[in-house]
PDB file of N, CA and C in Angstrom:
ATOM      1  N   MET A   1     271.576  58.275  31.546  1.00  0.00           N
ATOM      2  CA  MET A   1     271.049  58.586  32.855  1.00  0.00           C
ATOM      3  C   MET A   1     271.581  57.598  33.874  1.00  0.00           C
ATOM      4  N   THR A   2     271.907  58.109  34.997  1.00  0.00           N
ATOM      5  CA  THR A   2     272.369  57.226  36.048  1.00  0.00           C
ATOM      6  C   THR A   2     271.225  56.986  37.014  1.00  0.00           C
ATOM      7  N   PRO A   3     271.083  55.774  37.446  1.00  0.00           N
ATOM      8  CA  PRO A   3     270.005  55.494  38.399  1.00  0.00           C
ATOM      9  C   PRO A   3     270.318  56.141  39.750  1.00  0.00           C
ATOM     10  N   THR A   4     269.310  56.736  40.289  1.00  0.00           N
ATOM     11  CA  THR A   4     269.486  57.350  41.609  1.00  0.00           C
ATOM     12  C   THR A   4     268.834  56.469  42.661  1.00  0.00           C
ATOM     13  N   ALA A   5     269.586  56.199  43.670  1.00  0.00           N
ATOM     14  CA  ALA A   5     269.073  55.372  44.760  1.00  0.00           C
ATOM     15  C   ALA A   5     268.291  56.265  45.721  1.00  0.00           C
ATOM     16  N   LYS A   6     267.147  55.787  46.096  1.00  0.00           N
ATOM     17  CA  LYS A   6     266.353  56.546  47.058  1.00  0.00           C
ATOM     18  C   LYS A   6     266.986  56.389  48.436  1.00  0.00           C
ATOM     19  N   ARG A   7     267.238  57.502  49.039  1.00  0.00           N
ATOM     20  CA  ARG A   7     267.823  57.480  50.374  1.00  0.00           C
ATOM     21  C   ARG A   7     266.712  57.603  51.393  1.00  0.00           C
ATOM     22  N   GLU A   8     266.665  56.641  52.272  1.00  0.00           N
ATOM     23  CA  GLU A   8     265.685  56.673  53.351  1.00  0.00           C
ATOM     24  C   GLU A   8     266.188  57.635  54.430  1.00  0.00           C
ATOM     25  N   PRO A   9     265.329  58.490  54.926  1.00  0.00           N
ATOM     26  CA  PRO A   9     265.773  59.383  55.993  1.00  0.00           C
ATOM     27  C   PRO A   9     266.080  58.592  57.258  1.00  0.00           C
ATOM     28  N   VAL A  10     267.141  58.988  57.911  1.00  0.00           N
ATOM     29  CA  VAL A  10     267.532  58.330  59.150  1.00  0.00           C
ATOM     30  C   VAL A  10     266.723  58.947  60.278  1.00  0.00           C
ATOM     31  N   VAL A  11     265.959  58.115  60.943  1.00  0.00           N
ATOM     32  CA  VAL A  11     265.101  58.591  62.024  1.00  0.00           C
ATOM     33  C   VAL A  11     265.670  58.080  63.336  1.00  0.00           C
ATOM     34  N   ASN A  12     266.002  59.003  64.191  1.00  0.00           N
ATOM     35  CA  ASN A  12     266.493  58.640  65.518  1.00  0.00           C
ATOM     36  C   ASN A  12     265.344  58.712  66.511  1.00  0.00           C
ATOM     37  N   ALA A  13     265.493  57.999  67.589  1.00  0.00           N
ATOM     38  CA  ALA A  13     264.490  58.077  68.652  1.00  0.00           C
ATOM     39  C   ALA A  13     264.514  59.484  69.234  1.00  0.00           C
ATOM     40  N   PRO A  14     263.368  60.050  69.547  1.00  0.00           N
ATOM     41  CA  PRO A  14     263.356  61.415  70.087  1.00  0.00           C
ATOM     42  C   PRO A  14     263.974  61.464  71.479  1.00  0.00           C
ATOM     43  N   VAL A  15     264.578  62.578  71.783  1.00  0.00           N
ATOM     44  CA  VAL A  15     265.137  62.807  73.106  1.00  0.00           C
ATOM     45  C   VAL A  15     264.069  63.535  73.912  1.00  0.00           C
ATOM     46  N   ILE A  16     263.490  62.848  74.877  1.00  0.00           N
ATOM     47  CA  ILE A  16     262.408  63.425  75.673  1.00  0.00           C
ATOM     48  C   ILE A  16     262.952  63.746  77.058  1.00  0.00           C
ATOM     49  N   LEU A  17     262.866  65.010  77.426  1.00  0.00           N
ATOM     50  CA  LEU A  17     263.328  65.463  78.724  1.00  0.00           C
ATOM     51  C   LEU A  17     262.118  65.795  79.583  1.00  0.00           C
ATOM     52  N   ASN A  18     261.990  65.121  80.683  1.00  0.00           N
ATOM     53  CA  ASN A  18     260.888  65.392  81.607  1.00  0.00           C
ATOM     54  C   ASN A  18     261.423  66.296  82.695  1.00  0.00           C
ATOM     55  N   ILE A  19     261.130  67.570  82.595  1.00  0.00           N
ATOM     56  CA  ILE A  19     261.612  68.553  83.559  1.00  0.00           C
ATOM     57  C   ILE A  19     260.801  68.474  84.845  1.00  0.00           C
ATOM     58  N   GLY A  20     259.531  68.143  84.749  1.00  0.00           N
ATOM     59  CA  GLY A  20     258.673  68.092  85.919  1.00  0.00           C
ATOM     60  C   GLY A  20     258.045  69.442  86.179  1.00  0.00           C
ATOM     61  N   LYS A  21     257.832  69.767  87.438  1.00  0.00           N
ATOM     62  CA  LYS A  21     257.233  71.048  87.785  1.00  0.00           C
ATOM     63  C   LYS A  21     258.251  72.159  87.591  1.00  0.00           C
ATOM     64  N   ALA A  22     257.776  73.295  87.136  1.00  0.00           N
ATOM     65  CA  ALA A  22     258.639  74.455  86.961  1.00  0.00           C
ATOM     66  C   ALA A  22     257.835  75.715  87.207  1.00  0.00           C
ATOM     67  N   LYS A  23     258.525  76.742  87.629  1.00  0.00           N
ATOM     68  CA  LYS A  23     257.865  78.020  87.866  1.00  0.00           C
ATOM     69  C   LYS A  23     257.562  78.687  86.526  1.00  0.00           C
ATOM     70  N   ARG A  24     256.554  79.529  86.529  1.00  0.00           N
ATOM     71  CA  ARG A  24     256.172  80.235  85.301  1.00  0.00           C
ATOM     72  C   ARG A  24     257.324  81.073  84.762  1.00  0.00           C
ATOM     73  N   LYS A  25     258.052  81.698  85.648  1.00  0.00           N
ATOM     74  CA  LYS A  25     259.170  82.541  85.237  1.00  0.00           C
ATOM     75  C   LYS A  25     260.238  81.700  84.541  1.00  0.00           C
ATOM     76  N   ASP A  26     260.539  80.504  85.080  1.00  0.00           N
ATOM     77  CA  ASP A  26     261.534  79.629  84.465  1.00  0.00           C
ATOM     78  C   ASP A  26     261.077  79.138  83.098  1.00  0.00           C
ATOM     79  N   ILE A  27     259.778  78.875  82.949  1.00  0.00           N
ATOM     80  CA  ILE A  27     259.242  78.431  81.665  1.00  0.00           C
ATOM     81  C   ILE A  27     259.348  79.557  80.639  1.00  0.00           C
ATOM     82  N   ARG A  28     259.036  80.775  81.068  1.00  0.00           N
ATOM     83  CA  ARG A  28     259.139  81.926  80.160  1.00  0.00           C
ATOM     84  C   ARG A  28     260.591  82.132  79.737  1.00  0.00           C
ATOM     85  N   LEU A  29     261.522  82.006  80.679  1.00  0.00           N
ATOM     86  CA  LEU A  29     262.931  82.157  80.348  1.00  0.00           C
ATOM     87  C   LEU A  29     263.405  81.056  79.410  1.00  0.00           C
ATOM     88  N   LEU A  30     262.881  79.847  79.564  1.00  0.00           N
ATOM     89  CA  LEU A  30     263.234  78.743  78.667  1.00  0.00           C
ATOM     90  C   LEU A  30     262.799  79.052  77.242  1.00  0.00           C
ATOM     91  N   ARG A  31     261.606  79.608  77.085  1.00  0.00           N
ATOM     92  CA  ARG A  31     261.133  79.986  75.754  1.00  0.00           C
ATOM     93  C   ARG A  31     262.042  81.035  75.120  1.00  0.00           C
ATOM     94  N   GLU A  32     262.610  81.902  75.961  1.00  0.00           N
ATOM     95  CA  GLU A  32     263.494  82.956  75.469  1.00  0.00           C
ATOM     96  C   GLU A  32     264.929  82.467  75.297  1.00  0.00           C
ATOM     97  N   GLY A  33     265.197  81.222  75.697  1.00  0.00           N
ATOM     98  CA  GLY A  33     266.538  80.668  75.555  1.00  0.00           C
ATOM     99  C   GLY A  33     267.466  81.058  76.685  1.00  0.00           C
ATOM    100  N   GLN A  34     266.918  81.327  77.854  1.00  0.00           N
ATOM    101  CA  GLN A  34     267.712  81.744  79.009  1.00  0.00           C
ATOM    102  C   GLN A  34     267.263  80.972  80.231  1.00  0.00           C
ATOM    103  N   GLY A  35     267.976  81.153  81.319  1.00  0.00           N
ATOM    104  CA  GLY A  35     267.543  80.619  82.598  1.00  0.00           C
ATOM    105  C   GLY A  35     268.078  79.236  82.926  1.00  0.00           C
ATOM    106  N   PRO A  36     267.698  78.744  84.093  1.00  0.00           N
ATOM    107  CA  PRO A  36     268.232  77.465  84.581  1.00  0.00           C
ATOM    108  C   PRO A  36     267.740  76.252  83.789  1.00  0.00           C
ATOM    109  N   LEU A  37     266.561  76.326  83.228  1.00  0.00           N
ATOM    110  CA  LEU A  37     266.050  75.171  82.466  1.00  0.00           C
ATOM    111  C   LEU A  37     266.824  74.978  81.164  1.00  0.00           C
ATOM    112  N   VAL A  38     267.308  76.068  80.581  1.00  0.00           N
ATOM    113  CA  VAL A  38     268.107  75.956  79.355  1.00  0.00           C
ATOM    114  C   VAL A  38     269.397  75.211  79.664  1.00  0.00           C
ATOM    115  N   ASN A  39     269.995  75.516  80.803  1.00  0.00           N
ATOM    116  CA  ASN A  39     271.219  74.814  81.200  1.00  0.00           C
ATOM    117  C   ASN A  39     270.949  73.322  81.404  1.00  0.00           C
ATOM    118  N   GLU A  40     269.800  73.007  81.978  1.00  0.00           N
ATOM    119  CA  GLU A  40     269.434  71.602  82.200  1.00  0.00           C
ATOM    120  C   GLU A  40     269.236  70.868  80.872  1.00  0.00           C
ATOM    121  N   VAL A  41     268.581  71.523  79.919  1.00  0.00           N
ATOM    122  CA  VAL A  41     268.355  70.916  78.598  1.00  0.00           C
ATOM    123  C   VAL A  41     269.683  70.729  77.872  1.00  0.00           C
ATOM    124  N   GLN A  42     270.554  71.722  77.922  1.00  0.00           N
ATOM    125  CA  GLN A  42     271.841  71.623  77.240  1.00  0.00           C
ATOM    126  C   GLN A  42     272.712  70.522  77.829  1.00  0.00           C
ATOM    127  N   SER A  43     272.711  70.389  79.137  1.00  0.00           N
ATOM    128  CA  SER A  43     273.517  69.329  79.750  1.00  0.00           C
ATOM    129  C   SER A  43     272.969  67.950  79.391  1.00  0.00           C
ATOM    130  N   ALA A  44     271.649  67.822  79.314  1.00  0.00           N
ATOM    131  CA  ALA A  44     271.054  66.538  78.927  1.00  0.00           C
ATOM    132  C   ALA A  44     271.401  66.202  77.477  1.00  0.00           C
ATOM    133  N   LEU A  45     271.389  67.201  76.599  1.00  0.00           N
ATOM    134  CA  LEU A  45     271.749  66.959  75.198  1.00  0.00           C
ATOM    135  C   LEU A  45     273.213  66.560  75.065  1.00  0.00           C
ATOM    136  N   GLN A  46     274.076  67.150  75.878  1.00  0.00           N
ATOM    137  CA  GLN A  46     275.488  66.772  75.855  1.00  0.00           C
ATOM    138  C   GLN A  46     275.669  65.333  76.314  1.00  0.00           C
ATOM    139  N   GLU A  47     274.903  64.916  77.315  1.00  0.00           N
ATOM    140  CA  GLU A  47     274.973  63.530  77.780  1.00  0.00           C
ATOM    141  C   GLU A  47     274.519  62.561  76.697  1.00  0.00           C
ATOM    142  N   VAL A  48     273.438  62.919  75.997  1.00  0.00           N
ATOM    143  CA  VAL A  48     272.926  62.046  74.933  1.00  0.00           C
ATOM    144  C   VAL A  48     273.941  61.953  73.799  1.00  0.00           C
ATOM    145  N   ALA A  49     274.520  63.082  73.414  1.00  0.00           N
ATOM    146  CA  ALA A  49     275.518  63.081  72.341  1.00  0.00           C
ATOM    147  C   ALA A  49     276.740  62.264  72.738  1.00  0.00           C
ATOM    148  N   ALA A  50     277.143  62.347  74.001  1.00  0.00           N
ATOM    149  CA  ALA A  50     278.293  61.571  74.466  1.00  0.00           C
ATOM    150  C   ALA A  50     277.981  60.077  74.481  1.00  0.00           C
ATOM    151  N   SER A  51     276.748  59.721  74.835  1.00  0.00           N
ATOM    152  CA  SER A  51     276.388  58.305  74.873  1.00  0.00           C
ATOM    153  C   SER A  51     276.251  57.704  73.475  1.00  0.00           C
ATOM    154  N   LEU A  52     275.871  58.540  72.500  1.00  0.00           N
ATOM    155  CA  LEU A  52     275.758  58.046  71.124  1.00  0.00           C
ATOM    156  C   LEU A  52     277.124  57.884  70.466  1.00  0.00           C
ATOM    157  N   GLY A  53     278.082  58.677  70.887  1.00  0.00           N
ATOM    158  CA  GLY A  53     279.431  58.563  70.343  1.00  0.00           C
ATOM    159  C   GLY A  53     279.493  58.950  68.880  1.00  0.00           C
ATOM    160  N   GLU A  54     280.021  58.050  68.056  1.00  0.00           N
ATOM    161  CA  GLU A  54     280.196  58.332  66.627  1.00  0.00           C
ATOM    162  C   GLU A  54     278.870  58.404  65.874  1.00  0.00           C
ATOM    163  N   GLN A  55     277.835  57.815  66.401  1.00  0.00           N
ATOM    164  CA  GLN A  55     276.530  57.862  65.740  1.00  0.00           C
ATOM    165  C   GLN A  55     275.970  59.276  65.705  1.00  0.00           C
ATOM    166  N   ALA A  56     276.393  60.127  66.636  1.00  0.00           N
ATOM    167  CA  ALA A  56     275.870  61.488  66.718  1.00  0.00           C
ATOM    168  C   ALA A  56     276.565  62.451  65.765  1.00  0.00           C
ATOM    169  N   GLU A  57     277.666  62.020  65.135  1.00  0.00           N
ATOM    170  CA  GLU A  57     278.401  62.912  64.246  1.00  0.00           C
ATOM    171  C   GLU A  57     277.559  63.259  63.024  1.00  0.00           C
ATOM    172  N   GLY A  58     277.486  64.541  62.730  1.00  0.00           N
ATOM    173  CA  GLY A  58     276.748  65.013  61.564  1.00  0.00           C
ATOM    174  C   GLY A  58     275.240  65.010  61.733  1.00  0.00           C
ATOM    175  N   LYS A  59     274.769  64.733  62.925  1.00  0.00           N
ATOM    176  CA  LYS A  59     273.331  64.709  63.167  1.00  0.00           C
ATOM    177  C   LYS A  59     272.978  65.779  64.181  1.00  0.00           C
ATOM    178  N   GLN A  60     271.793  66.304  64.020  1.00  0.00           N
ATOM    179  CA  GLN A  60     271.311  67.302  64.955  1.00  0.00           C
ATOM    180  C   GLN A  60     270.339  66.628  65.905  1.00  0.00           C
ATOM    181  N   ILE A  61     270.553  66.837  67.182  1.00  0.00           N
ATOM    182  CA  ILE A  61     269.691  66.231  68.199  1.00  0.00           C
ATOM    183  C   ILE A  61     268.710  67.295  68.672  1.00  0.00           C
ATOM    184  N   LEU A  62     267.437  67.012  68.493  1.00  0.00           N
ATOM    185  CA  LEU A  62     266.398  67.950  68.905  1.00  0.00           C
ATOM    186  C   LEU A  62     265.669  67.399  70.124  1.00  0.00           C
ATOM    187  N   PRO A  63     265.616  68.165  71.192  1.00  0.00           N
ATOM    188  CA  PRO A  63     264.937  67.668  72.387  1.00  0.00           C
ATOM    189  C   PRO A  63     263.438  67.952  72.356  1.00  0.00           C
ATOM    190  N   VAL A  64     262.702  67.115  73.036  1.00  0.00           N
ATOM    191  CA  VAL A  64     261.283  67.361  73.300  1.00  0.00           C
ATOM    192  C   VAL A  64     261.200  67.562  74.803  1.00  0.00           C
ATOM    193  N   VAL A  65     260.836  68.762  75.228  1.00  0.00           N
ATOM    194  CA  VAL A  65     260.844  69.104  76.647  1.00  0.00           C
ATOM    195  C   VAL A  65     259.424  69.035  77.180  1.00  0.00           C
ATOM    196  N   LEU A  66     259.245  68.275  78.265  1.00  0.00           N
ATOM    197  CA  LEU A  66     257.947  68.154  78.913  1.00  0.00           C
ATOM    198  C   LEU A  66     258.003  68.850  80.259  1.00  0.00           C
ATOM    199  N   ILE A  67     257.097  69.786  80.456  1.00  0.00           N
ATOM    200  CA  ILE A  67     256.971  70.476  81.726  1.00  0.00           C
ATOM    201  C   ILE A  67     255.506  70.389  82.107  1.00  0.00           C
ATOM    202  N   TYR A  68     255.253  70.021  83.321  1.00  0.00           N
ATOM    203  CA  TYR A  68     253.859  69.895  83.713  1.00  0.00           C
ATOM    204  C   TYR A  68     253.634  70.582  85.043  1.00  0.00           C
ATOM    205  N   ARG A  69     252.408  70.906  85.259  1.00  0.00           N
ATOM    206  CA  ARG A  69     252.009  71.530  86.511  1.00  0.00           C
ATOM    207  C   ARG A  69     250.766  70.780  86.990  1.00  0.00           C
ATOM    208  N   LYS A  70     250.860  70.182  88.144  1.00  0.00           N
ATOM    209  CA  LYS A  70     249.754  69.400  88.673  1.00  0.00           C
ATOM    210  C   LYS A  70     248.698  70.340  89.232  1.00  0.00           C
ATOM    211  N   LYS A  71     247.474  70.184  88.755  1.00  0.00           N
ATOM    212  CA  LYS A  71     246.381  71.004  89.262  1.00  0.00           C
ATOM    213  C   LYS A  71     245.879  70.404  90.568  1.00  0.00           C
ATOM    214  N   SER A  72     245.514  71.281  91.481  1.00  0.00           N
ATOM    215  CA  SER A  72     244.980  70.799  92.741  1.00  0.00           C
ATOM    216  C   SER A  72     243.518  70.417  92.540  1.00  0.00           C
ATOM    217  N   ARG A  73     243.119  69.367  93.236  1.00  0.00           N
ATOM    218  CA  ARG A  73     241.725  68.933  93.150  1.00  0.00           C
ATOM    219  C   ARG A  73     240.885  69.826  94.023  1.00  0.00           C
ATOM    220  N   LYS A  74     239.767  70.200  93.489  1.00  0.00           N
ATOM    221  CA  LYS A  74     238.847  71.002  94.282  1.00  0.00           C
ATOM    222  C   LYS A  74     238.012  70.063  95.140  1.00  0.00           C
ATOM    223  N   LYS A  75     238.000  70.348  96.407  1.00  0.00           N
ATOM    224  CA  LYS A  75     237.214  69.526  97.320  1.00  0.00           C
ATOM    225  C   LYS A  75     235.773  69.998  97.291  1.00  0.00           C
ATOM    226  N   GLY A  76     234.857  69.096  97.513  1.00  0.00           N
ATOM    227  CA  GLY A  76     233.460  69.448  97.577  1.00  0.00           C
ATOM    228  C   GLY A  76     233.187  70.346  98.772  1.00  0.00           C
ATOM    229  N   ARG A  77     232.331  71.273  98.602  1.00  0.00           N
ATOM    230  CA  ARG A  77     232.027  72.201  99.693  1.00  0.00           C
ATOM    231  C   ARG A  77     230.691  71.818 100.324  1.00  0.00           C
ATOM    232  N   SER A  78     230.692  71.849 101.594  1.00  0.00           N
ATOM    233  CA  SER A  78     229.490  71.497 102.346  1.00  0.00           C
ATOM    234  C   SER A  78     228.869  72.757 102.928  1.00  0.00           C
ATOM    235  N   LEU A  79     227.578  72.723 103.089  1.00  0.00           N
ATOM    236  CA  LEU A  79     226.919  73.843 103.716  1.00  0.00           C
ATOM    237  C   LEU A  79     227.208  73.884 105.218  1.00  0.00           C
ATOM    238  N   ILE A  80     227.463  72.699 105.786  1.00  0.00           N
ATOM    239  CA  ILE A  80     227.786  72.607 107.208  1.00  0.00           C
ATOM    240  C   ILE A  80     229.288  72.331 107.318  1.00  0.00           C
ATOM    241  N   PRO A  81     230.054  73.255 107.873  1.00  0.00           N
ATOM    242  CA  PRO A  81     231.505  73.037 107.955  1.00  0.00           C
ATOM    243  C   PRO A  81     231.850  71.845 108.835  1.00  0.00           C
ATOM    244  N   GLY A  82     232.849  71.120 108.439  1.00  0.00           N
ATOM    245  CA  GLY A  82     233.309  69.999 109.226  1.00  0.00           C
ATOM    246  C   GLY A  82     232.778  68.647 108.755  1.00  0.00           C
ATOM    247  N   LEU A  83     231.800  68.636 107.833  1.00  0.00           N
ATOM    248  CA  LEU A  83     231.275  67.340 107.367  1.00  0.00           C
ATOM    249  C   LEU A  83     232.207  66.701 106.346  1.00  0.00           C
ATOM    250  N   LEU A  84     232.869  67.495 105.537  1.00  0.00           N
ATOM    251  CA  LEU A  84     233.762  66.916 104.527  1.00  0.00           C
ATOM    252  C   LEU A  84     235.186  67.159 104.842  1.00  0.00           C
TER     253      LEU A  84
END
């Protein structure tokens, strides 16, 4: 029997893309793999792969995409208009 060396999985830092605010239609198209956000994600992945150089060879880079929508604060309502 030959001894087998345990190979530790190579863990890279995650690629986190903060898209910011986006329209519902653009988010739906991103889920379908279409639209302007897909182009933005692909260009960011190409930049990351280029910056890694030889380290990126043979590795798959998976992005984590963050999209957020800021909710508006509801103001308190007064019975007498103009007080708040």
